[in-house]
Protein backbone atom coordinates (compact mmCIF):
# COMPACT_ATOMS: atom_id res chain seq x y z
CA MET A 1 148.95 99.86 131.15
CA ALA A 2 150.07 100.95 127.71
CA LYS A 3 153.28 102.95 127.50
CA ASN A 4 152.22 105.22 124.65
CA SER A 5 149.32 105.96 122.34
CA ILE A 6 150.60 103.68 119.55
CA GLU A 7 150.81 100.71 121.90
CA TYR A 8 147.41 101.59 123.38
CA GLY A 9 145.84 101.69 119.91
CA ARG A 10 147.43 98.37 118.98
CA ASN A 11 146.18 96.73 122.19
CA TYR A 12 142.68 98.16 121.68
CA ARG A 13 142.49 96.83 118.11
CA LEU A 14 143.68 93.39 119.22
CA LYS A 15 141.11 93.19 122.03
CA ASN A 16 138.25 94.60 119.95
CA LYS A 17 138.90 93.16 116.48
CA GLU A 18 135.25 92.56 115.63
CA ALA A 19 134.05 96.02 116.71
CA VAL A 20 136.90 97.75 114.88
CA TYR A 21 136.24 95.72 111.73
CA GLU A 22 132.50 96.50 111.86
CA ARG A 23 133.23 100.24 112.14
CA TYR A 24 135.64 99.97 109.20
CA LYS A 25 133.05 98.12 107.07
CA ARG A 26 130.42 100.77 107.83
CA TRP A 27 132.87 103.57 106.96
CA ARG A 28 133.90 101.83 103.74
CA LEU A 29 130.28 101.23 102.63
CA ASN A 30 129.47 104.88 103.29
CA ALA A 31 132.54 106.02 101.36
CA LYS A 32 131.65 103.79 98.41
CA ALA A 33 128.03 104.97 98.46
CA ASN A 34 129.20 108.58 98.30
CA GLY A 35 131.71 107.74 95.59
CA THR A 36 134.62 109.19 97.52
CA THR A 37 136.67 108.88 100.68
CA THR A 38 138.21 111.45 102.98
CA ARG A 39 141.59 110.65 101.44
CA ASP A 40 140.19 111.34 97.97
CA LYS A 41 138.90 114.71 99.15
CA GLN A 42 142.27 115.60 100.62
CA ARG A 43 144.32 114.37 97.66
CA TYR A 44 142.17 115.27 94.68
CA GLY A 45 139.96 118.13 95.83
CA LEU A 46 136.76 116.17 95.11
CA ASN A 47 137.76 115.70 91.45
CA ARG A 48 138.52 111.96 91.66
CA ALA A 49 134.97 110.88 90.80
CA LYS A 50 134.79 113.46 87.98
CA VAL A 51 138.07 112.27 86.43
CA LEU A 52 137.10 108.59 86.67
CA GLU A 53 133.75 109.35 85.04
CA ARG A 54 135.36 111.49 82.33
CA ASP A 55 137.76 108.64 81.51
CA ASN A 56 134.90 106.09 81.56
CA TYR A 57 136.44 104.25 84.55
CA CYS A 58 139.25 102.97 82.29
CA CYS A 59 143.01 103.39 82.15
CA VAL A 60 143.73 105.99 79.46
CA ASN A 61 146.86 104.08 78.35
CA CYS A 62 145.82 100.43 78.17
CA GLY A 63 142.02 100.60 78.56
CA LEU A 64 141.79 98.33 81.63
CA THR A 65 138.38 98.84 83.26
CA GLN A 66 137.74 99.59 86.92
CA GLU A 67 136.00 96.22 87.42
CA LEU A 68 138.88 94.19 85.99
CA HIS A 69 141.40 96.36 87.85
CA LEU A 70 139.66 95.64 91.17
CA ILE A 71 139.68 91.90 90.43
CA LYS A 72 143.29 91.84 89.27
CA PHE A 73 144.93 94.23 91.76
CA LYS A 74 142.33 94.54 94.57
CA VAL A 75 142.57 98.36 94.39
CA SER A 76 140.86 101.11 92.44
CA LEU A 77 142.35 102.76 89.36
CA ASN A 78 144.98 105.44 90.09
CA LEU A 79 144.94 109.12 89.27
CA HIS A 80 148.11 110.64 87.87
CA HIS A 81 149.18 114.31 87.93
CA LYS A 82 150.35 115.04 84.39
CA ASN A 83 152.41 118.12 85.33
CA LYS A 84 153.96 116.37 88.39
CA ASN A 85 152.50 119.06 90.70
CA GLU A 86 150.77 117.02 93.42
CA LYS A 87 148.86 120.12 94.57
CA ASP A 88 147.31 120.84 91.17
CA TYR A 89 143.92 119.11 91.31
CA SER A 90 142.52 120.62 88.11
CA LEU A 91 140.64 118.22 85.86
CA ASP A 92 143.05 118.93 82.99
CA ASN A 93 146.00 117.82 85.13
CA LEU A 94 144.56 114.48 86.29
CA GLU A 95 144.31 111.28 84.27
CA THR A 96 143.15 107.75 85.11
CA LEU A 97 145.80 105.04 85.00
CA CYS A 98 146.00 101.40 86.08
CA VAL A 99 148.68 100.39 88.59
CA VAL A 100 150.99 99.05 85.87
CA CYS A 101 150.75 102.08 83.57
CA HIS A 102 151.09 104.47 86.53
CA SER A 103 154.23 102.68 87.68
CA LYS A 104 155.71 102.71 84.17
CA LYS A 105 154.97 106.42 83.78
CA HIS A 106 156.85 107.23 87.00
CA GLN A 107 159.76 104.96 86.00
CA VAL A 108 160.11 106.81 82.70
CA GLU A 109 159.97 110.18 84.50
CA ARG A 110 162.68 109.06 86.97
CA HIS A 111 164.86 107.78 84.12
CA LEU A 112 164.54 111.04 82.19
CA LYS A 113 165.37 112.99 85.33
CA GLU A 114 168.54 110.90 85.83
CA LEU A 115 169.65 111.61 82.26
CA LYS A 116 169.58 115.38 82.80
C-alpha cells in the first residue's frame, strides 16, 4: 500500500505506462488542435495564439521560425512580458521570443538590476 498520494501516483504511472501515455497523447493532440493548452490559458489569458499569429510565429529578435525552433529546441517559441509584470496579459505587453533570445533578455534585465 502506498504511503502517500505522490508515491501512489508514481506507482500507478509505473504500472500503467501505456494507458497514461495514451491519455497524454490524446490530451496533447486535442490541445494542439485547439491551438492552446490549459497552461496557456492560465498564463496568457488566451492571448498566446494571438501573439504568435501577430508575430508570424517568429522570434521578434532573431527571426527564428516556430518550425525551426521546434526542431532545434523541441519546444514552442516563448512569450515574454515586456513590462516584467507576469499578470499583465495584454497583447501590447507580450512578444514572441526564441529560447536563446528570451534567456538573453532576462540575463540583461538581471544584470541591470544588479547595477542599481
